[in-house]
Amino acid sequence: MAYFADEEPALRFERAPITQDQMLHEFEYALAQQILKSMLKRNLISDDEYRNITILNRKSFNPALAGIMSDNG
C-alpha cells in the first residue's frame, strides 16, 4: 500500500517488552499444542476434541501469539 508524503499509516505498532511470565506462557502453550497435535495424529482424540482443547489452552495459557498461530492439526 502506498502512502502520500504527508500521510501516515492508520495503524501503528509499538514494541512492548515481553515479561518472563509471558514467555513462559508462550512456551507452555506451544508445548501443550504440540502434544495435542501428536494425540490428534495418532487418533487418540477427535478433531472436535482438538478444537475444544485448543480453546481451553488459549484460555489457560493466554498466549500473546495465539492469534497468529495455526489451529490446524
PDB file of N, CA and C in Angstrom:
ATOM      1  N   MET A   1       0.852  -1.175   0.000  1.00  0.00           N
ATOM      2  CA  MET A   1       0.000   0.000   0.000  1.00  0.00           C
ATOM      3  C   MET A   1       0.896   1.237   0.000  1.00  0.00           C
ATOM      4  N   ALA A   2       0.585   2.180  -0.841  1.00  0.00           N
ATOM      5  CA  ALA A   2       1.381   3.403  -0.949  1.00  0.00           C
ATOM      6  C   ALA A   2       0.766   4.512  -0.096  1.00  0.00           C
ATOM      7  N   TYR A   3       1.626   5.355   0.452  1.00  0.00           N
ATOM      8  CA  TYR A   3       1.186   6.491   1.265  1.00  0.00           C
ATOM      9  C   TYR A   3       1.754   7.764   0.664  1.00  0.00           C
ATOM     10  N   PHE A   4       0.989   8.830   0.779  1.00  0.00           N
ATOM     11  CA  PHE A   4       1.483  10.130   0.358  1.00  0.00           C
ATOM     12  C   PHE A   4       2.467  10.640   1.403  1.00  0.00           C
ATOM     13  N   ALA A   5       3.301  11.575   1.015  1.00  0.00           N
ATOM     14  CA  ALA A   5       4.350  12.082   1.903  1.00  0.00           C
ATOM     15  C   ALA A   5       3.793  12.659   3.198  1.00  0.00           C
ATOM     16  N   ASP A   6       2.644  13.315   3.136  1.00  0.00           N
ATOM     17  CA  ASP A   6       2.083  13.936   4.339  1.00  0.00           C
ATOM     18  C   ASP A   6       1.083  13.026   5.059  1.00  0.00           C
ATOM     19  N   GLU A   7       1.005  11.781   4.641  1.00  0.00           N
ATOM     20  CA  GLU A   7       0.033  10.841   5.199  1.00  0.00           C
ATOM     21  C   GLU A   7       0.769   9.736   5.966  1.00  0.00           C
ATOM     22  N   GLU A   8       0.206   9.357   7.101  1.00  0.00           N
ATOM     23  CA  GLU A   8       0.791   8.278   7.894  1.00  0.00           C
ATOM     24  C   GLU A   8      -0.148   7.082   7.888  1.00  0.00           C
ATOM     25  N   PRO A   9       0.396   5.881   8.040  1.00  0.00           N
ATOM     26  CA  PRO A   9      -0.467   4.697   8.098  1.00  0.00           C
ATOM     27  C   PRO A   9      -1.439   4.794   9.274  1.00  0.00           C
ATOM     28  N   ALA A  10      -2.624   4.209   9.113  1.00  0.00           N
ATOM     29  CA  ALA A  10      -3.656   4.267  10.151  1.00  0.00           C
ATOM     30  C   ALA A  10      -3.271   3.445  11.375  1.00  0.00           C
ATOM     31  N   LEU A  11      -2.545   2.377  11.173  1.00  0.00           N
ATOM     32  CA  LEU A  11      -2.162   1.514  12.292  1.00  0.00           C
ATOM     33  C   LEU A  11      -0.717   1.760  12.689  1.00  0.00           C
ATOM     34  N   ARG A  12      -0.514   1.798  13.963  1.00  0.00           N
ATOM     35  CA  ARG A  12       0.849   1.911  14.488  1.00  0.00           C
ATOM     36  C   ARG A  12       1.055   0.792  15.492  1.00  0.00           C
ATOM     37  N   PHE A  13       2.184   0.187  15.433  1.00  0.00           N
ATOM     38  CA  PHE A  13       2.504  -0.887  16.360  1.00  0.00           C
ATOM     39  C   PHE A  13       3.687  -0.466  17.214  1.00  0.00           C
ATOM     40  N   GLU A  14       3.540  -0.654  18.499  1.00  0.00           N
ATOM     41  CA  GLU A  14       4.632  -0.352  19.414  1.00  0.00           C
ATOM     42  C   GLU A  14       5.134  -1.656  20.009  1.00  0.00           C
ATOM     43  N   ARG A  15       6.414  -1.762  20.100  1.00  0.00           N
ATOM     44  CA  ARG A  15       7.007  -2.940  20.719  1.00  0.00           C
ATOM     45  C   ARG A  15       6.962  -2.792  22.223  1.00  0.00           C
ATOM     46  N   ALA A  16       6.412  -3.795  22.861  1.00  0.00           N
ATOM     47  CA  ALA A  16       6.408  -3.821  24.319  1.00  0.00           C
ATOM     48  C   ALA A  16       7.277  -4.995  24.744  1.00  0.00           C
ATOM     49  N   PRO A  17       8.110  -4.788  25.730  1.00  0.00           N
ATOM     50  CA  PRO A  17       8.955  -5.900  26.167  1.00  0.00           C
ATOM     51  C   PRO A  17       8.098  -7.037  26.705  1.00  0.00           C
ATOM     52  N   ILE A  18       8.496  -8.257  26.399  1.00  0.00           N
ATOM     53  CA  ILE A  18       7.768  -9.427  26.882  1.00  0.00           C
ATOM     54  C   ILE A  18       8.360  -9.820  28.234  1.00  0.00           C
ATOM     55  N   THR A  19       7.482 -10.100  29.171  1.00  0.00           N
ATOM     56  CA  THR A  19       7.952 -10.473  30.506  1.00  0.00           C
ATOM     57  C   THR A  19       8.330 -11.946  30.527  1.00  0.00           C
ATOM     58  N   GLN A  20       9.033 -12.331  31.563  1.00  0.00           N
ATOM     59  CA  GLN A  20       9.423 -13.731  31.712  1.00  0.00           C
ATOM     60  C   GLN A  20       8.179 -14.615  31.863  1.00  0.00           C
ATOM     61  N   ASP A  21       7.164 -14.124  32.572  1.00  0.00           N
ATOM     62  CA  ASP A  21       5.910 -14.876  32.714  1.00  0.00           C
ATOM     63  C   ASP A  21       5.224 -15.060  31.369  1.00  0.00           C
ATOM     64  N   GLN A  22       5.174 -14.007  30.562  1.00  0.00           N
ATOM     65  CA  GLN A  22       4.560 -14.116  29.241  1.00  0.00           C
ATOM     66  C   GLN A  22       5.307 -15.119  28.373  1.00  0.00           C
ATOM     67  N   MET A  23       6.634 -15.078  28.430  1.00  0.00           N
ATOM     68  CA  MET A  23       7.450 -16.006  27.652  1.00  0.00           C
ATOM     69  C   MET A  23       7.188 -17.443  28.092  1.00  0.00           C
ATOM     70  N   LEU A  24       7.058 -17.654  29.390  1.00  0.00           N
ATOM     71  CA  LEU A  24       6.763 -18.985  29.915  1.00  0.00           C
ATOM     72  C   LEU A  24       5.399 -19.458  29.423  1.00  0.00           C
ATOM     73  N   HIS A  25       4.402 -18.573  29.412  1.00  0.00           N
ATOM     74  CA  HIS A  25       3.066 -18.931  28.922  1.00  0.00           C
ATOM     75  C   HIS A  25       3.112 -19.303  27.443  1.00  0.00           C
ATOM     76  N   GLU A  26       3.890 -18.569  26.659  1.00  0.00           N
ATOM     77  CA  GLU A  26       4.038 -18.882  25.236  1.00  0.00           C
ATOM     78  C   GLU A  26       4.640 -20.276  25.061  1.00  0.00           C
ATOM     79  N   PHE A  27       5.690 -20.560  25.823  1.00  0.00           N
ATOM     80  CA  PHE A  27       6.360 -21.853  25.733  1.00  0.00           C
ATOM     81  C   PHE A  27       5.426 -22.981  26.158  1.00  0.00           C
ATOM     82  N   GLU A  28       4.740 -22.807  27.273  1.00  0.00           N
ATOM     83  CA  GLU A  28       3.835 -23.844  27.773  1.00  0.00           C
ATOM     84  C   GLU A  28       2.680 -24.083  26.806  1.00  0.00           C
ATOM     85  N   TYR A  29       2.160 -23.016  26.212  1.00  0.00           N
ATOM     86  CA  TYR A  29       1.084 -23.157  25.234  1.00  0.00           C
ATOM     87  C   TYR A  29       1.580 -23.937  24.015  1.00  0.00           C
ATOM     88  N   ALA A  30       2.740 -23.559  23.500  1.00  0.00           N
ATOM     89  CA  ALA A  30       3.290 -24.239  22.324  1.00  0.00           C
ATOM     90  C   ALA A  30       3.531 -25.717  22.616  1.00  0.00           C
ATOM     91  N   LEU A  31       4.044 -26.027  23.792  1.00  0.00           N
ATOM     92  CA  LEU A  31       4.285 -27.417  24.175  1.00  0.00           C
ATOM     93  C   LEU A  31       2.973 -28.189  24.284  1.00  0.00           C
ATOM     94  N   ALA A  32       1.972 -27.582  24.919  1.00  0.00           N
ATOM     95  CA  ALA A  32       0.660 -28.231  25.051  1.00  0.00           C
ATOM     96  C   ALA A  32       0.057 -28.497  23.676  1.00  0.00           C
ATOM     97  N   GLN A  33       0.210 -27.552  22.760  1.00  0.00           N
ATOM     98  CA  GLN A  33      -0.344 -27.734  21.419  1.00  0.00           C
ATOM     99  C   GLN A  33       0.408 -28.815  20.644  1.00  0.00           C
ATOM    100  N   GLN A  34       1.715 -28.929  20.842  1.00  0.00           N
ATOM    101  CA  GLN A  34       2.482 -29.999  20.190  1.00  0.00           C
ATOM    102  C   GLN A  34       1.987 -31.362  20.652  1.00  0.00           C
ATOM    103  N   ILE A  35       1.781 -31.497  21.943  1.00  0.00           N
ATOM    104  CA  ILE A  35       1.279 -32.759  22.496  1.00  0.00           C
ATOM    105  C   ILE A  35      -0.108 -33.046  21.936  1.00  0.00           C
ATOM    106  N   LEU A  36      -0.936 -32.026  21.886  1.00  0.00           N
ATOM    107  CA  LEU A  36      -2.298 -32.170  21.379  1.00  0.00           C
ATOM    108  C   LEU A  36      -2.294 -32.610  19.915  1.00  0.00           C
ATOM    109  N   LYS A  37      -1.441 -31.998  19.094  1.00  0.00           N
ATOM    110  CA  LYS A  37      -1.338 -32.379  17.681  1.00  0.00           C
ATOM    111  C   LYS A  37      -0.872 -33.817  17.533  1.00  0.00           C
ATOM    112  N   SER A  38       0.055 -34.225  18.372  1.00  0.00           N
ATOM    113  CA  SER A  38       0.531 -35.606  18.352  1.00  0.00           C
ATOM    114  C   SER A  38      -0.603 -36.573  18.677  1.00  0.00           C
ATOM    115  N   MET A  39      -1.410 -36.218  19.652  1.00  0.00           N
ATOM    116  CA  MET A  39      -2.556 -37.055  20.019  1.00  0.00           C
ATOM    117  C   MET A  39      -3.562 -37.132  18.872  1.00  0.00           C
ATOM    118  N   LEU A  40      -3.777 -36.016  18.190  1.00  0.00           N
ATOM    119  CA  LEU A  40      -4.702 -35.988  17.059  1.00  0.00           C
ATOM    120  C   LEU A  40      -4.192 -36.873  15.923  1.00  0.00           C
ATOM    121  N   LYS A  41      -2.910 -36.764  15.603  1.00  0.00           N
ATOM    122  CA  LYS A  41      -2.325 -37.566  14.522  1.00  0.00           C
ATOM    123  C   LYS A  41      -2.383 -39.059  14.820  1.00  0.00           C
ATOM    124  N   ARG A  42      -2.344 -39.419  16.082  1.00  0.00           N
ATOM    125  CA  ARG A  42      -2.407 -40.838  16.485  1.00  0.00           C
ATOM    126  C   ARG A  42      -3.847 -41.300  16.713  1.00  0.00           C
ATOM    127  N   ASN A  43      -4.795 -40.435  16.365  1.00  0.00           N
ATOM    128  CA  ASN A  43      -6.226 -40.730  16.526  1.00  0.00           C
ATOM    129  C   ASN A  43      -6.616 -41.022  17.970  1.00  0.00           C
ATOM    130  N   LEU A  44      -5.925 -40.395  18.905  1.00  0.00           N
ATOM    131  CA  LEU A  44      -6.277 -40.539  20.316  1.00  0.00           C
ATOM    132  C   LEU A  44      -7.378 -39.558  20.707  1.00  0.00           C
ATOM    133  N   ILE A  45      -7.516 -38.491  19.913  1.00  0.00           N
ATOM    134  CA  ILE A  45      -8.590 -37.517  20.120  1.00  0.00           C
ATOM    135  C   ILE A  45      -9.197 -37.186  18.754  1.00  0.00           C
ATOM    136  N   SER A  46     -10.426 -36.703  18.767  1.00  0.00           N
ATOM    137  CA  SER A  46     -11.114 -36.324  17.527  1.00  0.00           C
ATOM    138  C   SER A  46     -10.780 -34.872  17.164  1.00  0.00           C
ATOM    139  N   ASP A  47     -11.180 -34.485  15.947  1.00  0.00           N
ATOM    140  CA  ASP A  47     -10.992 -33.090  15.519  1.00  0.00           C
ATOM    141  C   ASP A  47     -11.730 -32.129  16.450  1.00  0.00           C
ATOM    142  N   ASP A  48     -12.952 -32.505  16.841  1.00  0.00           N
ATOM    143  CA  ASP A  48     -13.725 -31.651  17.758  1.00  0.00           C
ATOM    144  C   ASP A  48     -13.032 -31.519  19.108  1.00  0.00           C
ATOM    145  N   GLU A  49     -12.500 -32.623  19.622  1.00  0.00           N
ATOM    146  CA  GLU A  49     -11.782 -32.571  20.903  1.00  0.00           C
ATOM    147  C   GLU A  49     -10.546 -31.687  20.777  1.00  0.00           C
ATOM    148  N   TYR A  50      -9.848 -31.805  19.643  1.00  0.00           N
ATOM    149  CA  TYR A  50      -8.670 -30.976  19.403  1.00  0.00           C
ATOM    150  C   TYR A  50      -9.041 -29.490  19.458  1.00  0.00           C
ATOM    151  N   ARG A  51     -10.097 -29.118  18.735  1.00  0.00           N
ATOM    152  CA  ARG A  51     -10.522 -27.708  18.717  1.00  0.00           C
ATOM    153  C   ARG A  51     -10.941 -27.232  20.108  1.00  0.00           C
ATOM    154  N   ASN A  52     -11.705 -28.062  20.818  1.00  0.00           N
ATOM    155  CA  ASN A  52     -12.172 -27.669  22.156  1.00  0.00           C
ATOM    156  C   ASN A  52     -11.018 -27.525  23.146  1.00  0.00           C
ATOM    157  N   ILE A  53     -10.063 -28.437  23.090  1.00  0.00           N
ATOM    158  CA  ILE A  53      -8.913 -28.360  23.999  1.00  0.00           C
ATOM    159  C   ILE A  53      -8.038 -27.160  23.638  1.00  0.00           C
ATOM    160  N   THR A  54      -7.921 -26.859  22.346  1.00  0.00           N
ATOM    161  CA  THR A  54      -7.163 -25.677  21.922  1.00  0.00           C
ATOM    162  C   THR A  54      -7.771 -24.410  22.513  1.00  0.00           C
ATOM    163  N   ILE A  55      -9.099 -24.327  22.494  1.00  0.00           N
ATOM    164  CA  ILE A  55      -9.786 -23.173  23.095  1.00  0.00           C
ATOM    165  C   ILE A  55      -9.475 -23.092  24.588  1.00  0.00           C
ATOM    166  N   LEU A  56      -9.527 -24.230  25.267  1.00  0.00           N
ATOM    167  CA  LEU A  56      -9.208 -24.260  26.705  1.00  0.00           C
ATOM    168  C   LEU A  56      -7.755 -23.866  26.956  1.00  0.00           C
ATOM    169  N   ASN A  57      -6.842 -24.350  26.103  1.00  0.00           N
ATOM    170  CA  ASN A  57      -5.425 -23.996  26.249  1.00  0.00           C
ATOM    171  C   ASN A  57      -5.218 -22.492  26.097  1.00  0.00           C
ATOM    172  N   ARG A  58      -5.916 -21.894  25.143  1.00  0.00           N
ATOM    173  CA  ARG A  58      -5.777 -20.442  24.949  1.00  0.00           C
ATOM    174  C   ARG A  58      -6.284 -19.675  26.157  1.00  0.00           C
ATOM    175  N   LYS A  59      -7.349 -20.177  26.771  1.00  0.00           N
ATOM    176  CA  LYS A  59      -7.863 -19.525  27.978  1.00  0.00           C
ATOM    177  C   LYS A  59      -6.918 -19.733  29.154  1.00  0.00           C
ATOM    178  N   SER A  60      -6.348 -20.927  29.263  1.00  0.00           N
ATOM    179  CA  SER A  60      -5.464 -21.254  30.392  1.00  0.00           C
ATOM    180  C   SER A  60      -4.126 -20.532  30.310  1.00  0.00           C
ATOM    181  N   PHE A  61      -3.492 -20.578  29.134  1.00  0.00           N
ATOM    182  CA  PHE A  61      -2.145 -20.036  28.988  1.00  0.00           C
ATOM    183  C   PHE A  61      -2.138 -18.580  28.542  1.00  0.00           C
ATOM    184  N   ASN A  62      -3.225 -18.108  27.934  1.00  0.00           N
ATOM    185  CA  ASN A  62      -3.348 -16.739  27.450  1.00  0.00           C
ATOM    186  C   ASN A  62      -2.120 -16.295  26.650  1.00  0.00           C
ATOM    187  N   PRO A  63      -1.769 -17.056  25.598  1.00  0.00           N
ATOM    188  CA  PRO A  63      -0.580 -16.699  24.827  1.00  0.00           C
ATOM    189  C   PRO A  63      -0.824 -15.491  23.931  1.00  0.00           C
ATOM    190  N   ALA A  64       0.130 -14.598  23.881  1.00  0.00           N
ATOM    191  CA  ALA A  64       0.006 -13.395  23.056  1.00  0.00           C
ATOM    192  C   ALA A  64       0.064 -13.737  21.573  1.00  0.00           C
ATOM    193  N   LEU A  65       0.758 -14.798  21.214  1.00  0.00           N
ATOM    194  CA  LEU A  65       0.950 -15.157  19.814  1.00  0.00           C
ATOM    195  C   LEU A  65      -0.121 -16.096  19.273  1.00  0.00           C
ATOM    196  N   ALA A  66      -1.102 -16.467  20.071  1.00  0.00           N
ATOM    197  CA  ALA A  66      -2.125 -17.425  19.636  1.00  0.00           C
ATOM    198  C   ALA A  66      -2.876 -16.947  18.404  1.00  0.00           C
ATOM    199  N   GLY A  67      -3.071 -15.655  18.281  1.00  0.00           N
ATOM    200  CA  GLY A  67      -3.804 -15.118  17.143  1.00  0.00           C
ATOM    201  C   GLY A  67      -3.132 -15.358  15.808  1.00  0.00           C
ATOM    202  N   ILE A  68      -1.826 -15.530  15.803  1.00  0.00           N
ATOM    203  CA  ILE A  68      -1.122 -15.777  14.545  1.00  0.00           C
ATOM    204  C   ILE A  68      -0.711 -17.229  14.389  1.00  0.00           C
ATOM    205  N   MET A  69      -0.963 -18.036  15.411  1.00  0.00           N
ATOM    206  CA  MET A  69      -0.626 -19.454  15.342  1.00  0.00           C
ATOM    207  C   MET A  69      -1.719 -20.213  14.624  1.00  0.00           C
ATOM    208  N   SER A  70      -1.322 -21.249  13.909  1.00  0.00           N
ATOM    209  CA  SER A  70      -2.269 -22.084  13.188  1.00  0.00           C
ATOM    210  C   SER A  70      -3.018 -22.997  14.143  1.00  0.00           C
ATOM    211  N   ASP A  71      -4.312 -23.211  13.868  1.00  0.00           N
ATOM    212  CA  ASP A  71      -5.112 -24.158  14.639  1.00  0.00           C
ATOM    213  C   ASP A  71      -5.199 -25.505  13.944  1.00  0.00           C
ATOM    214  N   ASN A  72      -4.541 -25.645  12.815  1.00  0.00           N
ATOM    215  CA  ASN A  72      -4.623 -26.895  12.064  1.00  0.00           C
ATOM    216  C   ASN A  72      -3.881 -28.004  12.778  1.00  0.00           C
ATOM    217  N   GLY A  73      -4.477 -29.192  12.750  1.00  0.00           N
ATOM    218  CA  GLY A  73      -3.858 -30.339  13.409  1.00  0.00           C
ATOM    219  C   GLY A  73      -2.813 -31.012  12.619  1.00  0.00           C
TER     220      GLY A  73
END
